[in-house]
């Protein structure tokens, strides 16, 4: 058990706080009472002595369900259960003792949701069970942010706008560490949905500790292991065989669309009440059928016959055109002949049966996307120390189908080349109760996102 005195604590970036005042039946402050805080899932136990004004304070707490027990000679022991702390909560809970023997106890097992009067921040929390029952497309928590008032996620956009601000001006914190890249304005990676314990969206009037943004603050708390073993396996899939036909599409075979999302999570104790682990993995495979059009030389153009006059460069300033709009085969440049051999013959024709002169070659195939990501987290406690570390990894390999068979062509889609994306994130935090009058918290974070693009030959 860790013993600490009540004190004010600020700038914890996502950790919860529980504080309040202990009073006697007359409403006077009770000094020197022992307040004990416990959390059943991990066996966490903390203690604090109330100060001269009867105040107690527990800081740097992970989201969870807590119980407070207050003991003082001459008063019955008071137990208050069902105190739910969420990410970045600052909850005030005043406790009233009754006269009696301390061996007698008064237990409050039902508690109404507590109004947070300690701060004026506006926002809301999405908890894990809500994410489990919601059907977000792609299993990302980002669309759920738009459930908050004043938040809009425009169609086709990856990040929301909070109170009209630009997407890149909102802060994203995973376990207290920023993962936002202001330029080019994106988040380094999105956690596996099953690894998120809960997240909070603060849209206005948030604390000065989040001073890097002028939009909103999105704080994500990842899951940790507990004294019980928990695991999940999942797979979600979409297949064109289960899709309805597009009302405006021509009759025929449905276009290819196959997406598989699969993975699992596992968490439990390495040493009961002391050391816990949590790991997760998610794989994504996407194959999307596409048809791309290109403009290639027609059969007549390959023979040197053009629709308009072609001047002979050998005539100099006279610019005399070739007879019959036809360039002699002997005048073909060797490099041009080599390039011409790389183009396929046209396969798109007009209604009259002739070759089309523009967008006259079509090629069907599939754009592919293969992504893998995982997280590993370790939590450990000893004496007055609490420590956790997490490593996150993402690898995403996107390969759009090329318009021409040799791998060349002009792509106008968002992914215009084979792109390999990798993201890494490391977070570590150490909370140390130095003495009964001091608590130190040290947090380290490192996030990287990189791209390797193989541009297509065009």
Protein backbone atom coordinates (compact mmCIF):
# COMPACT_ATOMS: atom_id res chain seq x y z
CA UNK A 1 0.00 0.00 0.00
CA UNK A 2 1.26 3.45 -0.94
CA UNK A 3 0.79 6.28 1.58
CA UNK A 4 0.55 9.86 0.33
CA UNK A 5 -0.91 13.08 1.59
CA UNK A 6 -3.62 15.07 -0.11
CA UNK A 7 -2.32 17.61 -2.59
CA UNK A 8 -3.18 19.41 -5.81
CA UNK A 9 -1.89 17.79 -9.00
CA UNK A 10 -2.04 19.28 -12.50
CA UNK A 11 -0.93 18.55 -16.06
CA UNK A 12 -1.42 14.80 -16.10
CA UNK A 13 -2.50 14.68 -19.78
CA UNK A 14 -5.22 12.07 -19.79
CA UNK A 15 -4.98 10.60 -16.30
CA UNK A 16 -7.95 10.81 -13.94
CA UNK A 17 -8.14 12.43 -10.51
CA UNK A 18 -10.39 11.78 -7.55
CA UNK A 19 -10.54 14.25 -4.68
CA UNK A 20 -12.89 15.60 -2.09
CA UNK A 21 -13.46 16.50 1.54
CA UNK A 22 -14.24 14.22 4.48
CA UNK A 23 -16.72 15.70 6.96
CA UNK A 24 -18.37 14.68 10.24
CA UNK A 25 -22.14 14.71 10.88
CA UNK A 26 -21.96 18.42 11.76
CA UNK A 27 -20.37 19.22 8.39
CA UNK A 28 -16.95 19.98 9.87
CA UNK A 29 -13.76 18.79 8.20
CA UNK A 30 -12.21 15.59 9.53
CA UNK A 31 -8.40 15.84 9.56
CA UNK A 32 -6.07 12.87 9.80
CA UNK A 33 -8.54 10.32 8.42
CA UNK A 34 -7.13 7.53 6.24
CA UNK A 35 -8.67 7.38 2.76
CA UNK A 36 -7.91 4.19 0.83
CA UNK A 37 -8.55 3.81 -2.89
CA UNK A 38 -8.78 0.39 -4.54
CA UNK A 39 -9.43 -0.92 -8.04
CA UNK A 40 -10.52 -4.55 -8.26
CA UNK A 41 -9.37 -5.48 -11.78
CA UNK A 42 -5.69 -4.78 -11.13
CA UNK A 43 -5.60 -4.86 -7.34
CA UNK A 44 -4.38 -1.25 -7.16
CA UNK A 45 -4.40 0.15 -3.62
CA UNK A 46 -3.51 3.71 -2.70
CA UNK A 47 -3.88 5.61 0.58
CA UNK A 48 -3.95 9.26 1.55
CA UNK A 49 -4.29 11.14 4.85
CA UNK A 50 -6.81 13.95 4.89
CA UNK A 51 -5.34 17.37 5.53
CA UNK A 52 -6.28 20.05 8.01
CA UNK A 53 -9.30 20.95 5.91
CA UNK A 54 -10.32 17.30 5.51
CA UNK A 55 -9.27 17.10 1.88
CA UNK A 56 -7.91 13.99 0.11
CA UNK A 57 -6.55 13.68 -3.42
CA UNK A 58 -5.67 10.71 -5.66
CA UNK A 59 -3.96 11.54 -8.95
CA UNK A 60 -2.59 9.88 -12.10
CA UNK A 61 -5.30 7.20 -12.16
CA UNK A 62 -6.17 4.98 -15.11
CA UNK A 63 -9.81 4.71 -16.19
CA UNK A 64 -11.68 2.13 -14.14
CA UNK A 65 -14.16 1.38 -11.37
CA UNK A 66 -12.90 2.41 -7.93
CA UNK A 67 -13.85 2.08 -4.26
CA UNK A 68 -12.96 4.59 -1.52
CA UNK A 69 -12.74 3.52 2.14
CA UNK A 70 -12.37 6.13 4.92
CA UNK A 71 -11.33 5.20 8.47
CA UNK A 72 -11.06 7.44 11.53
CA UNK A 73 -11.23 6.67 15.25
CA UNK A 74 -14.64 7.58 16.67
CA UNK A 75 -16.38 7.17 13.32
CA UNK A 76 -17.81 4.24 11.43
CA UNK A 77 -15.79 3.07 8.48
CA UNK A 78 -17.27 4.48 5.27
CA UNK A 79 -17.00 2.59 1.99
CA UNK A 80 -18.14 4.14 -1.25
CA UNK A 81 -18.13 1.80 -4.24
CA UNK A 82 -18.99 2.23 -7.89
CA UNK A 83 -16.92 5.36 -8.51
CA UNK A 84 -16.26 5.30 -12.23
CA UNK A 85 -13.29 7.33 -13.43
CA UNK A 86 -12.86 7.92 -17.12
CA UNK A 87 -10.03 9.30 -19.18
CA UNK A 88 -9.03 12.82 -18.06
CA UNK A 89 -11.77 12.94 -15.40
CA UNK A 90 -11.47 15.29 -12.43
CA UNK A 91 -14.13 13.99 -10.07
CA UNK A 92 -14.99 15.56 -6.71
CA UNK A 93 -16.51 13.14 -4.18
CA UNK A 94 -17.19 14.51 -0.70
CA UNK A 95 -17.61 11.86 2.00
CA UNK A 96 -19.66 12.18 5.18
CA UNK A 97 -18.77 10.06 8.23
CA UNK A 98 -21.17 8.96 10.96
CA UNK A 99 -20.35 8.56 14.64
CA UNK A 100 -19.69 5.05 15.87
CA UNK A 101 -17.10 2.33 16.25
CA UNK A 102 -14.59 2.16 13.43
CA UNK A 103 -15.18 -1.62 13.29
CA UNK A 104 -18.69 -0.83 12.09
CA UNK A 105 -18.98 0.16 8.46
CA UNK A 106 -21.35 2.04 6.23
CA UNK A 107 -21.23 0.99 2.59
CA UNK A 108 -22.67 2.98 -0.29
CA UNK A 109 -23.04 0.56 -3.20
CA UNK A 110 -25.17 2.66 -5.53
CA UNK A 111 -23.94 6.00 -6.76
CA UNK A 112 -25.50 8.34 -9.27
CA UNK A 113 -23.23 9.75 -11.99
CA UNK A 114 -21.17 12.52 -10.48
CA UNK A 115 -21.25 15.96 -12.02
CA UNK A 116 -17.75 17.23 -12.66
CA UNK A 117 -17.65 20.66 -11.09
CA UNK A 118 -13.85 20.87 -10.98
CA UNK A 119 -13.48 22.07 -14.55
CA UNK A 120 -15.38 23.81 -17.33
CA UNK A 121 -14.25 21.69 -20.27
CA UNK A 122 -16.95 20.72 -22.77
CA UNK A 123 -16.89 17.27 -24.32
CA UNK A 124 -18.00 13.70 -24.02
CA UNK A 125 -16.60 10.20 -23.53
CA UNK A 126 -17.07 7.14 -25.71
CA UNK A 127 -16.51 3.98 -23.69
CA UNK A 128 -15.33 0.58 -24.82
CA UNK A 129 -18.71 -1.14 -24.84
CA UNK A 130 -20.11 1.61 -27.08
CA UNK A 131 -17.32 1.01 -29.60
CA UNK A 132 -17.95 -2.74 -29.43
CA UNK A 133 -21.59 -2.31 -30.39
CA UNK A 134 -21.13 0.47 -32.97
CA UNK A 135 -20.42 -0.49 -36.60
CA UNK A 136 -17.74 2.04 -37.70
CA UNK A 137 -16.61 1.46 -41.27
CA UNK A 138 -13.03 0.22 -41.32
CA UNK A 139 -13.01 -0.26 -37.52
CA UNK A 140 -11.65 3.20 -36.80
CA UNK A 141 -12.70 5.32 -33.82
CA UNK A 142 -12.51 8.55 -35.84
CA UNK A 143 -16.13 8.50 -37.13
CA UNK A 144 -17.35 8.20 -33.53
CA UNK A 145 -15.78 11.59 -32.74
CA UNK A 146 -18.46 13.15 -34.93
CA UNK A 147 -21.10 12.10 -32.36
CA UNK A 148 -20.06 15.08 -30.24
CA UNK A 149 -21.96 18.36 -30.69
CA UNK A 150 -20.06 20.84 -32.84
CA UNK A 151 -18.02 18.15 -34.60
CA UNK A 152 -18.34 17.43 -38.32
CA UNK A 153 -16.62 14.78 -40.44
CA UNK A 154 -16.96 15.90 -44.08
CA UNK A 155 -17.43 13.12 -46.67
CA UNK A 156 -14.12 11.81 -47.93
CA UNK A 157 -12.14 13.38 -45.07
CA UNK A 158 -10.06 11.40 -42.58
CA UNK A 159 -10.09 13.85 -39.65
CA UNK A 160 -13.05 15.80 -38.24
CA UNK A 161 -13.51 19.53 -37.84
CA UNK A 162 -14.24 20.63 -34.29
CA UNK A 163 -16.21 23.87 -33.90
CA UNK A 164 -15.27 24.86 -37.44
CA UNK A 165 -11.51 24.54 -36.94
CA UNK A 166 -9.18 22.98 -39.47
CA UNK A 167 -8.55 19.24 -38.93
CA UNK A 168 -4.84 19.67 -38.33
CA UNK A 169 -5.40 22.07 -35.42
CA UNK A 170 -6.94 19.43 -33.13
CA UNK A 171 -4.68 17.50 -30.78
CA UNK A 172 -4.63 13.69 -30.65
CA UNK A 173 -3.20 12.08 -27.52
CA UNK A 174 -2.71 8.33 -27.11
CA UNK A 175 -2.00 7.55 -23.44
CA UNK A 176 -0.95 11.18 -23.00
CA UNK A 177 1.45 11.30 -25.99
CA UNK A 178 0.72 13.34 -29.12
CA UNK A 179 0.50 11.44 -32.41
CA UNK A 180 -0.52 14.39 -34.58
CA UNK A 181 1.67 15.43 -37.49
CA UNK A 182 0.67 19.07 -38.15
CA UNK A 183 2.31 18.84 -41.56
CA UNK A 184 0.83 17.29 -43.66
CA UNK A 185 -1.98 17.32 -41.09
CA UNK A 186 -2.59 13.69 -40.24
CA UNK A 187 -2.47 11.21 -37.37
CA UNK A 188 0.48 8.82 -37.40
CA UNK A 189 -1.73 5.74 -36.90
CA UNK A 190 -5.11 4.68 -35.56
CA UNK A 191 -5.21 2.11 -32.74
CA UNK A 192 -6.92 -1.24 -33.14
CA UNK A 193 -10.49 -0.59 -32.03
CA UNK A 194 -10.45 -3.51 -29.56
CA UNK A 195 -7.38 -2.05 -27.83
CA UNK A 196 -9.12 1.22 -26.86
CA UNK A 197 -10.54 1.35 -23.35
CA UNK A 198 -12.28 4.67 -24.04
CA UNK A 199 -11.64 8.08 -25.53
CA UNK A 200 -12.66 11.61 -24.64
CA UNK A 201 -13.39 14.50 -27.01
CA UNK A 202 -12.94 17.95 -25.49
CA UNK A 203 -14.36 20.63 -27.74
CA UNK A 204 -14.00 23.79 -25.68
CA UNK A 205 -12.62 25.34 -22.48
CA UNK A 206 -10.14 22.56 -21.85
CA UNK A 207 -7.23 22.87 -19.46
CA UNK A 208 -4.07 24.83 -20.30
CA UNK A 209 -2.07 21.60 -20.18
CA UNK A 210 -3.40 20.94 -23.69
CA UNK A 211 -1.97 24.15 -25.03
CA UNK A 212 -0.72 23.00 -28.43
CA UNK A 213 -4.05 23.07 -30.24
CA UNK A 214 -6.75 25.59 -31.07
CA UNK A 215 -9.30 23.05 -32.25
CA UNK A 216 -10.29 20.20 -29.97
CA UNK A 217 -8.46 17.58 -27.90
CA UNK A 218 -9.02 13.87 -28.48
CA UNK A 219 -7.60 11.69 -25.70
CA UNK A 220 -7.40 7.92 -26.15
CA UNK A 221 -6.77 5.52 -23.27
CA UNK A 222 -5.61 2.07 -24.37
CA UNK A 223 -6.48 -1.10 -22.51
CA UNK A 224 -4.17 -2.72 -19.99
CA UNK A 225 -4.12 -6.23 -18.58
CA UNK A 226 -5.81 -7.16 -15.32
CA UNK A 227 -5.98 -9.99 -12.81
CA UNK A 228 -8.40 -11.83 -15.11
CA UNK A 229 -7.63 -13.24 -18.53
CA UNK A 230 -9.50 -11.63 -21.41
CA UNK A 231 -9.24 -12.32 -25.11
CA UNK A 232 -11.14 -11.73 -28.32
CA UNK A 233 -10.92 -13.07 -31.86
CA UNK A 234 -12.72 -11.29 -34.67
CA UNK A 235 -13.16 -11.16 -38.42
CA UNK A 236 -15.27 -8.84 -40.51
CA UNK A 237 -15.62 -9.26 -44.25
CA UNK A 238 -17.33 -7.78 -47.27
CA UNK A 239 -17.74 -9.55 -50.60
CA UNK A 240 -19.27 -8.48 -53.88
CA UNK A 241 -21.47 -11.60 -53.81
CA UNK A 242 -23.34 -10.08 -50.85
CA UNK A 243 -23.67 -6.61 -52.36
CA UNK A 244 -26.71 -5.31 -54.19
CA UNK A 245 -26.31 -4.21 -57.80
CA UNK A 246 -25.88 -0.53 -58.45
CA UNK A 247 -29.17 0.86 -59.72
CA UNK A 248 -27.42 2.81 -62.48
CA UNK A 249 -24.84 0.18 -63.45
CA UNK A 250 -25.11 -1.79 -66.66
CA UNK A 251 -26.27 -5.38 -66.38
CA UNK A 252 -23.49 -7.90 -65.89
CA UNK A 253 -21.08 -9.20 -63.32
CA UNK A 254 -20.76 -7.23 -60.08
CA UNK A 255 -17.40 -5.46 -59.70
CA UNK A 256 -14.87 -7.13 -57.43
CA UNK A 257 -14.90 -5.90 -53.83
CA UNK A 258 -13.41 -8.04 -51.07
CA UNK A 259 -12.34 -6.75 -47.69
CA UNK A 260 -11.26 -8.81 -44.71
CA UNK A 261 -10.53 -7.39 -41.26
CA UNK A 262 -9.35 -9.93 -38.72
CA UNK A 263 -7.32 -10.14 -35.56
CA UNK A 264 -7.51 -10.58 -31.83
CA UNK A 265 -6.54 -9.26 -28.41
CA UNK A 266 -5.26 -10.93 -25.27
CA UNK A 267 -4.60 -9.53 -21.82
CA UNK A 268 -3.93 -10.91 -18.38
CA UNK A 269 -1.59 -11.07 -15.39
CA UNK A 270 2.08 -11.98 -15.44
CA UNK A 271 2.15 -11.55 -11.68
CA UNK A 272 -1.14 -11.07 -9.88
CA UNK A 273 -1.78 -7.57 -8.51
CA UNK A 274 1.58 -6.43 -9.83
CA UNK A 275 2.45 -7.09 -13.48
CA UNK A 276 0.06 -7.22 -16.44
CA UNK A 277 0.29 -7.42 -20.21
CA UNK A 278 -1.99 -6.64 -23.16
CA UNK A 279 -1.36 -7.40 -26.86
CA UNK A 280 -3.46 -6.97 -29.97
CA UNK A 281 -3.18 -7.57 -33.71
CA UNK A 282 -5.27 -6.59 -36.71
CA UNK A 283 -4.82 -7.46 -40.36
CA UNK A 284 -6.66 -5.85 -43.26
CA UNK A 285 -6.86 -7.12 -46.83
CA UNK A 286 -8.68 -5.14 -49.49
CA UNK A 287 -9.16 -5.96 -53.18
CA UNK A 288 -11.22 -3.47 -55.16
CA UNK A 289 -12.09 -4.10 -58.79
CA UNK A 290 -11.34 -1.17 -61.09
CA UNK A 291 -11.34 -0.37 -64.80
CA UNK A 292 -8.88 2.24 -66.01
CA UNK A 293 -8.75 3.96 -69.38
CA UNK A 294 -5.74 5.26 -71.28
CA UNK A 295 -5.13 6.86 -74.64
CA UNK A 296 -2.76 4.80 -76.80
CA UNK A 297 -1.65 5.19 -80.45
CA UNK A 298 -4.21 3.94 -82.98
CA UNK A 299 -3.38 1.42 -85.69
CA UNK A 300 -3.14 4.22 -88.29
CA UNK A 301 -0.89 6.33 -86.04
CA UNK A 302 1.44 3.35 -85.67
CA UNK A 303 1.74 3.40 -89.48
CA UNK A 304 2.49 7.11 -89.49
CA UNK A 305 -0.97 8.21 -90.64
CA UNK A 306 -2.43 11.09 -88.65
CA UNK A 307 -5.79 12.88 -88.63
CA UNK A 308 -4.20 16.32 -89.19
CA UNK A 309 -1.23 17.59 -91.17
CA UNK A 310 2.26 16.78 -89.82
CA UNK A 311 5.08 19.09 -90.87
CA UNK A 312 8.46 17.76 -91.98
CA UNK A 313 11.12 19.11 -89.57
CA UNK A 314 13.74 18.68 -92.31
CA UNK A 315 12.16 21.53 -94.32
CA UNK A 316 13.21 24.10 -91.72
CA UNK A 317 11.31 27.35 -91.67
CA UNK A 318 9.20 26.33 -94.63
CA UNK A 319 7.47 23.74 -92.44
CA UNK A 320 6.28 21.69 -95.40
CA UNK A 321 3.71 19.04 -94.36
CA UNK A 322 4.14 15.37 -95.18
CA UNK A 323 1.99 14.31 -98.16
CA UNK A 324 -1.39 12.72 -97.26
CA UNK A 325 -0.75 13.42 -93.56
CA UNK A 326 1.53 10.37 -93.57
CA UNK A 327 5.05 10.16 -92.15
CA UNK A 328 7.29 7.73 -94.08
CA UNK A 329 8.38 4.70 -92.07
CA UNK A 330 12.00 5.50 -92.88
CA UNK A 331 11.68 8.76 -90.94
CA UNK A 332 10.56 7.08 -87.70
CA UNK A 333 12.96 7.76 -84.82
CA UNK A 334 14.48 4.61 -83.29
CA UNK A 335 13.68 5.74 -79.73
CA UNK A 336 10.09 6.49 -80.74
CA UNK A 337 9.77 3.02 -82.27
CA UNK A 338 11.01 1.48 -79.01
CA UNK A 339 8.49 3.49 -77.00
CA UNK A 340 5.72 2.63 -79.43
CA UNK A 341 6.27 -1.05 -78.81
CA UNK A 342 5.41 -0.61 -75.14
CA UNK A 343 1.88 0.58 -75.88
CA UNK A 344 -0.86 -2.03 -76.35
CA UNK A 345 -3.28 -1.89 -79.27
CA UNK A 346 -6.57 -0.05 -78.73
CA UNK A 347 -9.48 -2.15 -77.44
CA UNK A 348 -12.21 0.50 -77.22
CA UNK A 349 -14.24 1.16 -80.36
CA UNK A 350 -16.88 3.63 -81.53
CA UNK A 351 -20.47 2.72 -82.39
CA UNK A 352 -19.47 2.41 -86.05
CA UNK A 353 -16.82 -0.17 -85.21
CA UNK A 354 -13.76 2.04 -85.67
CA UNK A 355 -11.02 2.55 -83.12
CA UNK A 356 -11.61 5.37 -80.65
CA UNK A 357 -8.94 8.08 -80.74
CA UNK A 358 -9.11 9.04 -77.03
CA UNK A 359 -9.50 6.81 -73.97
CA UNK A 360 -9.23 3.95 -76.42
CA UNK A 361 -7.65 1.35 -74.16
CA UNK A 362 -9.28 -0.14 -71.06
CA UNK A 363 -7.78 -2.49 -68.53
CA UNK A 364 -9.55 -4.25 -65.68
CA UNK A 365 -8.00 -5.47 -62.47
CA UNK A 366 -7.89 -4.74 -58.76
CA UNK A 367 -6.36 -2.18 -56.41
CA UNK A 368 -4.90 -3.98 -53.41
CA UNK A 369 -4.22 -2.82 -49.87
CA UNK A 370 -2.52 -5.01 -47.27
CA UNK A 371 -2.18 -3.62 -43.72
CA UNK A 372 -0.93 -5.14 -40.48
CA UNK A 373 -0.67 -3.53 -37.05
CA UNK A 374 -0.16 -4.59 -33.46
CA UNK A 375 0.35 -3.16 -29.99
CA UNK A 376 2.07 -4.53 -26.92
CA UNK A 377 1.65 -3.05 -23.46
CA UNK A 378 3.22 -3.90 -20.09
CA UNK A 379 2.11 -2.52 -16.70
CA UNK A 380 4.07 -3.05 -13.49
CA UNK A 381 3.84 -1.79 -9.90
CA UNK A 382 6.29 -2.05 -7.03
CA UNK A 383 6.36 -0.21 -3.71
CA UNK A 384 5.59 3.43 -4.50
CA UNK A 385 6.18 3.09 -8.25
CA UNK A 386 3.80 2.58 -11.16
CA UNK A 387 5.16 2.00 -14.65
CA UNK A 388 3.79 1.15 -18.06
CA UNK A 389 5.27 0.93 -21.56
CA UNK A 390 3.61 0.41 -24.93
CA UNK A 391 4.90 -0.20 -28.45
CA UNK A 392 2.70 0.23 -31.53
CA UNK A 393 3.47 -0.81 -35.10
CA UNK A 394 1.69 -0.28 -38.44
CA UNK A 395 2.62 -1.42 -41.95
CA UNK A 396 0.35 -0.58 -44.89
CA UNK A 397 1.20 -1.65 -48.45
CA UNK A 398 -1.02 -0.01 -51.10
CA UNK A 399 -0.72 -1.12 -54.74
CA UNK A 400 -3.03 0.50 -57.29
CA UNK A 401 -3.55 -1.31 -60.57
CA UNK A 402 -1.59 0.34 -63.38
CA UNK A 403 -3.46 1.55 -66.46
CA UNK A 404 -1.06 -0.22 -68.85
CA UNK A 405 0.13 -3.84 -68.67
CA UNK A 406 3.82 -2.94 -68.41
CA UNK A 407 3.25 -1.06 -65.14
CA UNK A 408 3.06 2.43 -66.60
CA UNK A 409 0.23 4.85 -67.24
CA UNK A 410 -1.34 7.93 -65.75
CA UNK A 411 -3.07 7.40 -62.40
CA UNK A 412 -5.45 10.10 -61.21
CA UNK A 413 -6.54 8.39 -57.97
CA UNK A 414 -5.44 9.35 -54.45
CA UNK A 415 -2.94 6.48 -54.41
CA UNK A 416 -1.02 7.18 -57.61
CA UNK A 417 1.90 4.83 -56.94
CA UNK A 418 2.84 1.78 -54.92
CA UNK A 419 3.09 3.16 -51.39
CA UNK A 420 4.52 1.44 -48.33
CA UNK A 421 3.63 3.21 -45.08
CA UNK A 422 5.16 2.39 -41.73
CA UNK A 423 4.37 3.92 -38.35
CA UNK A 424 5.93 3.24 -34.96
CA UNK A 425 5.01 4.55 -31.55
CA UNK A 426 6.66 4.14 -28.16
CA UNK A 427 5.14 5.37 -24.90
CA UNK A 428 6.49 4.93 -21.38
CA UNK A 429 5.29 6.43 -18.11
CA UNK A 430 6.64 6.27 -14.58
CA UNK A 431 4.68 7.53 -11.58
CA UNK A 432 6.67 7.65 -8.36
CA UNK A 433 5.41 8.50 -4.90
CA UNK A 434 8.59 10.17 -3.70
CA UNK A 435 7.32 10.83 -0.20
CA UNK A 436 4.13 11.61 1.64
CA UNK A 437 4.32 15.12 0.23
CA UNK A 438 5.51 14.61 -3.35
CA UNK A 439 4.50 12.60 -6.41
CA UNK A 440 6.54 12.65 -9.61
CA UNK A 441 5.28 11.61 -13.03
CA UNK A 442 7.59 11.16 -16.02
CA UNK A 443 6.28 10.36 -19.49
CA UNK A 444 8.21 9.62 -22.68
CA UNK A 445 6.79 9.40 -26.17
CA UNK A 446 8.24 8.79 -29.63
CA UNK A 447 6.17 8.57 -32.80
CA UNK A 448 7.27 8.13 -36.41
CA UNK A 449 5.44 7.77 -39.70
CA UNK A 450 7.24 7.27 -42.99
CA UNK A 451 6.46 6.55 -46.63
CA UNK A 452 8.27 4.75 -49.39
CA UNK A 453 6.73 5.57 -52.77
CA UNK A 454 7.65 3.79 -56.00
CA UNK A 455 6.44 6.21 -58.66
CA UNK A 456 5.02 4.63 -61.78
CA UNK A 457 6.75 5.13 -65.10
CA UNK A 458 4.55 7.40 -67.17
